[in-house]
C-alpha atoms as a PDB file:
ATOM      1  CA  UNK A   1     110.640  86.969  69.677  1.00  0.00           C
ATOM      2  CA  UNK A   2     107.678  86.671  66.796  1.00  0.00           C
ATOM      3  CA  UNK A   3     105.246  88.685  68.584  1.00  0.00           C
ATOM      4  CA  UNK A   4     107.396  91.746  68.883  1.00  0.00           C
ATOM      5  CA  UNK A   5     108.400  90.939  65.473  1.00  0.00           C
ATOM      6  CA  UNK A   6     104.490  91.630  64.329  1.00  0.00           C
ATOM      7  CA  UNK A   7     104.573  94.642  66.519  1.00  0.00           C
ATOM      8  CA  UNK A   8     107.326  96.471  65.077  1.00  0.00           C
ATOM      9  CA  UNK A   9     105.639  95.419  61.945  1.00  0.00           C
ATOM     10  CA  UNK A  10     102.127  97.234  62.294  1.00  0.00           C
ATOM     11  CA  UNK A  11     103.795  99.883  64.138  1.00  0.00           C
ATOM     12  CA  UNK A  12     105.675 100.467  60.536  1.00  0.00           C
ATOM     13  CA  UNK A  13     102.099 100.676  59.019  1.00  0.00           C
ATOM     14  CA  UNK A  14     100.662 102.780  61.458  1.00  0.00           C
ATOM     15  CA  UNK A  15     102.873 103.984  64.158  1.00  0.00           C
ATOM     16  CA  UNK A  16     100.568 105.973  65.742  1.00  0.00           C
ATOM     17  CA  UNK A  17      98.064 103.249  66.958  1.00  0.00           C
ATOM     18  CA  UNK A  18      98.335 103.361  71.252  1.00  0.00           C
ATOM     19  CA  UNK A  19      97.190  99.313  71.517  1.00  0.00           C
ATOM     20  CA  UNK A  20      99.908  98.529  69.850  1.00  0.00           C
ATOM     21  CA  UNK A  21     102.455 100.650  71.401  1.00  0.00           C
ATOM     22  CA  UNK A  22     101.220  99.784  74.481  1.00  0.00           C
ATOM     23  CA  UNK A  23     101.569  96.307  73.585  1.00  0.00           C
ATOM     24  CA  UNK A  24     105.062  96.576  72.347  1.00  0.00           C
ATOM     25  CA  UNK A  25     106.451  98.251  75.284  1.00  0.00           C
ATOM     26  CA  UNK A  26     105.095  95.904  77.648  1.00  0.00           C
ATOM     27  CA  UNK A  27     106.593  92.833  75.356  1.00  0.00           C
ATOM     28  CA  UNK A  28     109.779  94.851  75.440  1.00  0.00           C
ATOM     29  CA  UNK A  29     109.768  95.364  79.269  1.00  0.00           C
ATOM     30  CA  UNK A  30     109.053  92.002  79.843  1.00  0.00           C
ATOM     31  CA  UNK A  31     112.299  90.473  77.952  1.00  0.00           C
ATOM     32  CA  UNK A  32     114.415  93.127  80.223  1.00  0.00           C
ATOM     33  CA  UNK A  33     114.712  95.394  76.341  1.00  0.00           C
ATOM     34  CA  UNK A  34     114.978  98.342  78.812  1.00  0.00           C
ATOM     35  CA  UNK A  35     116.445 100.990  75.844  1.00  0.00           C
ATOM     36  CA  UNK A  36     114.142  99.861  73.233  1.00  0.00           C
ATOM     37  CA  UNK A  37     111.237 100.472  75.477  1.00  0.00           C
ATOM     38  CA  UNK A  38     112.436 103.834  76.684  1.00  0.00           C
ATOM     39  CA  UNK A  39     112.481 104.623  72.911  1.00  0.00           C
ATOM     40  CA  UNK A  40     109.578 103.802  72.074  1.00  0.00           C
ATOM     41  CA  UNK A  41     107.401 105.150  74.963  1.00  0.00           C
ATOM     42  CA  UNK A  42     109.116 108.325  75.482  1.00  0.00           C
ATOM     43  CA  UNK A  43     109.266 108.826  71.185  1.00  0.00           C
ATOM     44  CA  UNK A  44     105.387 108.133  71.278  1.00  0.00           C
ATOM     45  CA  UNK A  45     104.657 110.428  74.362  1.00  0.00           C
ATOM     46  CA  UNK A  46     106.293 113.616  72.433  1.00  0.00           C
ATOM     47  CA  UNK A  47     104.322 112.711  69.126  1.00  0.00           C
ATOM     48  CA  UNK A  48     101.305 112.969  71.638  1.00  0.00           C
ATOM     49  CA  UNK A  49     100.577 109.765  72.498  1.00  0.00           C
ATOM     50  CA  UNK A  50      98.423 110.053  75.993  1.00  0.00           C
ATOM     51  CA  UNK A  51      95.594 107.665  76.556  1.00  0.00           C
ATOM     52  CA  UNK A  52      95.131 105.975  80.054  1.00  0.00           C
ATOM     53  CA  UNK A  53      96.636 103.080  79.205  1.00  0.00           C
ATOM     54  CA  UNK A  54      99.921 104.318  77.774  1.00  0.00           C
ATOM     55  CA  UNK A  55      99.919 106.732  80.914  1.00  0.00           C
ATOM     56  CA  UNK A  56     100.094 103.200  82.620  1.00  0.00           C
ATOM     57  CA  UNK A  57     102.891 101.165  80.360  1.00  0.00           C
ATOM     58  CA  UNK A  58     105.265 104.980  81.185  1.00  0.00           C
ATOM     59  CA  UNK A  59     104.735 104.890  84.636  1.00  0.00           C
ATOM     60  CA  UNK A  60     105.625 101.600  85.052  1.00  0.00           C
ATOM     61  CA  UNK A  61     108.791 102.228  82.639  1.00  0.00           C
ATOM     62  CA  UNK A  62     109.886 104.707  84.983  1.00  0.00           C
ATOM     63  CA  UNK A  63     109.160 102.639  88.623  1.00  0.00           C
ATOM     64  CA  UNK A  64     111.111  99.502  86.653  1.00  0.00           C
ATOM     65  CA  UNK A  65     114.145 101.346  85.737  1.00  0.00           C
ATOM     66  CA  UNK A  66     114.299 103.321  89.413  1.00  0.00           C
ATOM     67  CA  UNK A  67     113.082 106.826  87.793  1.00  0.00           C
ATOM     68  CA  UNK A  68     110.816 108.015  90.608  1.00  0.00           C
ATOM     69  CA  UNK A  69     110.747 111.546  89.520  1.00  0.00           C
ATOM     70  CA  UNK A  70     110.404 110.926  86.124  1.00  0.00           C
ATOM     71  CA  UNK A  71     107.502 108.823  87.205  1.00  0.00           C
ATOM     72  CA  UNK A  72     106.395 110.843  89.408  1.00  0.00           C
ATOM     73  CA  UNK A  73     106.342 114.483  87.179  1.00  0.00           C
ATOM     74  CA  UNK A  74     104.480 111.864  84.141  1.00  0.00           C
ATOM     75  CA  UNK A  75     101.781 110.652  87.265  1.00  0.00           C
ATOM     76  CA  UNK A  76     100.870 114.208  88.689  1.00  0.00           C
ATOM     77  CA  UNK A  77      99.997 115.124  84.713  1.00  0.00           C
ATOM     78  CA  UNK A  78      98.418 111.565  83.963  1.00  0.00           C
ATOM     79  CA  UNK A  79      96.139 111.713  87.785  1.00  0.00           C
ATOM     80  CA  UNK A  80      95.251 115.540  86.787  1.00  0.00           C
ATOM     81  CA  UNK A  81      93.971 114.377  83.290  1.00  0.00           C
ATOM     82  CA  UNK A  82      92.152 111.652  84.759  1.00  0.00           C
ATOM     83  CA  UNK A  83      90.731 112.286  87.661  1.00  0.00           C
ATOM     84  CA  UNK A  84      89.669 109.192  88.422  1.00  0.00           C
ATOM     85  CA  UNK A  85      91.451 106.647  86.372  1.00  0.00           C
ATOM     86  CA  UNK A  86      92.161 104.110  89.130  1.00  0.00           C
ATOM     87  CA  UNK A  87      95.401 102.291  87.793  1.00  0.00           C
ATOM     88  CA  UNK A  88      96.664 105.722  87.790  1.00  0.00           C
ATOM     89  CA  UNK A  89      95.711 106.239  90.771  1.00  0.00           C
ATOM     90  CA  UNK A  90      97.217 103.191  92.742  1.00  0.00           C
ATOM     91  CA  UNK A  91     100.200 103.702  90.432  1.00  0.00           C
ATOM     92  CA  UNK A  92     100.456 107.760  92.044  1.00  0.00           C
ATOM     93  CA  UNK A  93     100.005 106.080  95.474  1.00  0.00           C
ATOM     94  CA  UNK A  94     103.105 103.703  95.219  1.00  0.00           C
ATOM     95  CA  UNK A  95     105.530 106.476  93.751  1.00  0.00           C
ATOM     96  CA  UNK A  96     104.604 108.550  96.313  1.00  0.00           C
ATOM     97  CA  UNK A  97     105.200 106.184  99.012  1.00  0.00           C
ATOM     98  CA  UNK A  98     108.442 105.176  97.374  1.00  0.00           C
ATOM     99  CA  UNK A  99     109.461 108.919  97.450  1.00  0.00           C
ATOM    100  CA  UNK A 100     108.257 109.084 101.659  1.00  0.00           C
ATOM    101  CA  UNK A 101     105.232 111.300 101.056  1.00  0.00           C
ATOM    102  CA  UNK A 102     103.482 109.427 102.738  1.00  0.00           C
ATOM    103  CA  UNK A 103     100.478 111.297 103.893  1.00  0.00           C
ATOM    104  CA  UNK A 104     100.428 111.927  99.686  1.00  0.00           C
ATOM    105  CA  UNK A 105     100.782 108.592  98.986  1.00  0.00           C
ATOM    106  CA  UNK A 106      97.932 107.541 102.076  1.00  0.00           C
ATOM    107  CA  UNK A 107      95.507 110.085 100.259  1.00  0.00           C
ATOM    108  CA  UNK A 108      95.559 108.227  96.355  1.00  0.00           C
ATOM    109  CA  UNK A 109      95.307 104.316  98.367  1.00  0.00           C
ATOM    110  CA  UNK A 110      92.310 106.034  99.674  1.00  0.00           C
ATOM    111  CA  UNK A 111      90.937 107.817  96.207  1.00  0.00           C
ATOM    112  CA  UNK A 112      91.253 104.400  94.723  1.00  0.00           C
ATOM    113  CA  UNK A 113      88.906 102.422  97.722  1.00  0.00           C
ATOM    114  CA  UNK A 114      86.314 105.298  97.277  1.00  0.00           C
ATOM    115  CA  UNK A 115      86.321 104.501  92.846  1.00  0.00           C
ATOM    116  CA  UNK A 116      86.907 100.705  93.376  1.00  0.00           C
ATOM    117  CA  UNK A 117      86.280  99.407  97.131  1.00  0.00           C
ATOM    118  CA  UNK A 118      87.600  95.614  96.601  1.00  0.00           C
ATOM    119  CA  UNK A 119      91.381  97.030  95.464  1.00  0.00           C
ATOM    120  CA  UNK A 120      92.801  94.526  97.887  1.00  0.00           C
ATOM    121  CA  UNK A 121      95.985  96.230  97.414  1.00  0.00           C
ATOM    122  CA  UNK A 122      95.215  99.691  98.088  1.00  0.00           C
ATOM    123  CA  UNK A 123      93.567  98.798 100.911  1.00  0.00           C
ATOM    124  CA  UNK A 124      96.738  97.041 101.936  1.00  0.00           C
ATOM    125  CA  UNK A 125      99.482  99.491 101.527  1.00  0.00           C
ATOM    126  CA  UNK A 126      96.480 102.013 102.664  1.00  0.00           C
ATOM    127  CA  UNK A 127      96.249 100.377 106.217  1.00  0.00           C
ATOM    128  CA  UNK A 128     100.058  99.484 106.206  1.00  0.00           C
ATOM    129  CA  UNK A 129     100.681 103.917 105.995  1.00  0.00           C
ATOM    130  CA  UNK A 130      98.315 104.331 108.216  1.00  0.00           C
ATOM    131  CA  UNK A 131      99.575 101.937 110.888  1.00  0.00           C
ATOM    132  CA  UNK A 132     103.061 103.674 110.184  1.00  0.00           C
ATOM    133  CA  UNK A 133     101.333 107.010 111.008  1.00  0.00           C
ATOM    134  CA  UNK A 134     100.694 105.346 114.607  1.00  0.00           C
ATOM    135  CA  UNK A 135      96.878 105.324 112.810  1.00  0.00           C
ATOM    136  CA  UNK A 136      96.222 102.344 114.418  1.00  0.00           C
ATOM    137  CA  UNK A 137      91.912 102.899 114.510  1.00  0.00           C
ATOM    138  CA  UNK A 138      92.305 104.019 111.160  1.00  0.00           C
ATOM    139  CA  UNK A 139      94.241 101.240 109.821  1.00  0.00           C
ATOM    140  CA  UNK A 140      91.752  98.113 111.640  1.00  0.00           C
ATOM    141  CA  UNK A 141      88.789 100.735 109.858  1.00  0.00           C
ATOM    142  CA  UNK A 142      90.493  99.710 106.482  1.00  0.00           C
ATOM    143  CA  UNK A 143      91.144  96.342 107.234  1.00  0.00           C
ATOM    144  CA  UNK A 144      87.979  95.550 108.550  1.00  0.00           C
ATOM    145  CA  UNK A 145      86.628  97.013 105.691  1.00  0.00           C
ATOM    146  CA  UNK A 146      88.348  95.259 103.339  1.00  0.00           C
ATOM    147  CA  UNK A 147      87.590  92.150 105.182  1.00  0.00           C
ATOM    148  CA  UNK A 148      83.801  92.651 104.669  1.00  0.00           C
ATOM    149  CA  UNK A 149      84.498  92.878 101.447  1.00  0.00           C
ATOM    150  CA  UNK A 150      87.205  90.046 100.415  1.00  0.00           C
ATOM    151  CA  UNK A 151      86.622  87.771 102.783  1.00  0.00           C
ATOM    152  CA  UNK A 152      89.165  85.948 105.092  1.00  0.00           C
ATOM    153  CA  UNK A 153      92.438  86.626 103.353  1.00  0.00           C
ATOM    154  CA  UNK A 154      95.720  85.781 104.936  1.00  0.00           C
ATOM    155  CA  UNK A 155      96.734  89.113 103.976  1.00  0.00           C
ATOM    156  CA  UNK A 156      94.208  90.861 105.226  1.00  0.00           C
ATOM    157  CA  UNK A 157      93.691  88.904 108.691  1.00  0.00           C
ATOM    158  CA  UNK A 158      97.594  89.115 109.761  1.00  0.00           C
ATOM    159  CA  UNK A 159      97.329  92.961 109.136  1.00  0.00           C
ATOM    160  CA  UNK A 160      94.670  93.178 111.371  1.00  0.00           C
ATOM    161  CA  UNK A 161      95.308  90.937 113.700  1.00  0.00           C
ATOM    162  CA  UNK A 162      98.665  92.472 114.612  1.00  0.00           C
ATOM    163  CA  UNK A 163      97.053  96.215 114.292  1.00  0.00           C
ATOM    164  CA  UNK A 164      94.001  95.356 116.763  1.00  0.00           C
ATOM    165  CA  UNK A 165      96.880  93.482 119.237  1.00  0.00           C
ATOM    166  CA  UNK A 166      98.866  96.807 119.506  1.00  0.00           C
ATOM    167  CA  UNK A 167      95.234  98.362 119.941  1.00  0.00           C
ATOM    168  CA  UNK A 168      95.418  95.780 122.930  1.00  0.00           C
ATOM    169  CA  UNK A 169      92.124  93.707 121.153  1.00  0.00           C
ATOM    170  CA  UNK A 170      93.393  90.773 122.568  1.00  0.00           C
ATOM    171  CA  UNK A 171      90.183  88.592 122.457  1.00  0.00           C
ATOM    172  CA  UNK A 172      89.738  89.582 118.226  1.00  0.00           C
ATOM    173  CA  UNK A 173      92.990  89.481 117.668  1.00  0.00           C
ATOM    174  CA  UNK A 174      93.836  85.872 119.250  1.00  0.00           C
ATOM    175  CA  UNK A 175      90.332  84.762 117.476  1.00  0.00           C
ATOM    176  CA  UNK A 176      92.312  85.903 113.696  1.00  0.00           C
ATOM    177  CA  UNK A 177      95.075  84.203 114.604  1.00  0.00           C
ATOM    178  CA  UNK A 178      92.955  80.745 115.215  1.00  0.00           C
ATOM    179  CA  UNK A 179      91.643  81.324 111.822  1.00  0.00           C
ATOM    180  CA  UNK A 180      94.757  82.128 110.238  1.00  0.00           C
ATOM    181  CA  UNK A 181      96.322  78.806 111.734  1.00  0.00           C
ATOM    182  CA  UNK A 182      92.899  77.120 110.117  1.00  0.00           C
ATOM    183  CA  UNK A 183      94.549  78.832 106.601  1.00  0.00           C
ATOM    184  CA  UNK A 184      98.358  77.700 107.734  1.00  0.00           C
ATOM    185  CA  UNK A 185      98.293  75.280 110.579  1.00  0.00           C
ATOM    186  CA  UNK A 186     102.113  74.967 110.013  1.00  0.00           C
ATOM    187  CA  UNK A 187     102.930  78.951 109.439  1.00  0.00           C
ATOM    188  CA  UNK A 188     105.885  79.268 112.451  1.00  0.00           C
ATOM    189  CA  UNK A 189     104.919  83.341 112.999  1.00  0.00           C
ATOM    190  CA  UNK A 190     101.306  82.261 113.255  1.00  0.00           C
ATOM    191  CA  UNK A 191     102.062  79.416 115.569  1.00  0.00           C
ATOM    192  CA  UNK A 192     104.880  82.360 117.444  1.00  0.00           C
ATOM    193  CA  UNK A 193     102.111  84.564 118.009  1.00  0.00           C
ATOM    194  CA  UNK A 194      99.471  82.332 118.989  1.00  0.00           C
ATOM    195  CA  UNK A 195     101.255  81.291 121.701  1.00  0.00           C
ATOM    196  CA  UNK A 196     102.861  84.837 122.876  1.00  0.00           C
ATOM    197  CA  UNK A 197      99.063  85.812 123.647  1.00  0.00           C
ATOM    198  CA  UNK A 198      97.991  81.814 124.898  1.00  0.00           C
ATOM    199  CA  UNK A 199     100.836  82.869 127.856  1.00  0.00           C
ATOM    200  CA  UNK A 200      99.266  86.166 128.458  1.00  0.00           C
END
């Protein structure tokens, strides 16, 4: 509350301070003060605020409020204005996916990875959408590249093992489950999948 009071006081003196507006908007959202957050950010938008940080904050509010059409409308403007802004491109992918525009979502997640190859969440979403679309070879390529960049993280190894299993690359898939079981020996899902493969 003291932080919010301080930021409100700062905005009274400098109402067009974008950094203070973004910080206050995020605090309002964290405190679930939705009406105040929306009023602050929408009013600021109408006054011409449009930095990358501001656009991210506004879109995150629309997402939090489940107003995906508003989020997408804002992102279409923002990603045209800032075509290389990774945060906005990733948000665009998320919103397109929520709207079931899966091909467009894949494109935006891929654009994130072109600009920031270590972006784990974009890689995982891209691989999952590739898998769902039946593009298993593409999903395996995405996950292998991600593994090469970020290492043996469980959230990368498990979907990679699953995709390989679907492609009937059993030996590599089983080797990945061995690594997963070293990391989490009591994980029932890993144990079950490894046991199924051993019975084949």
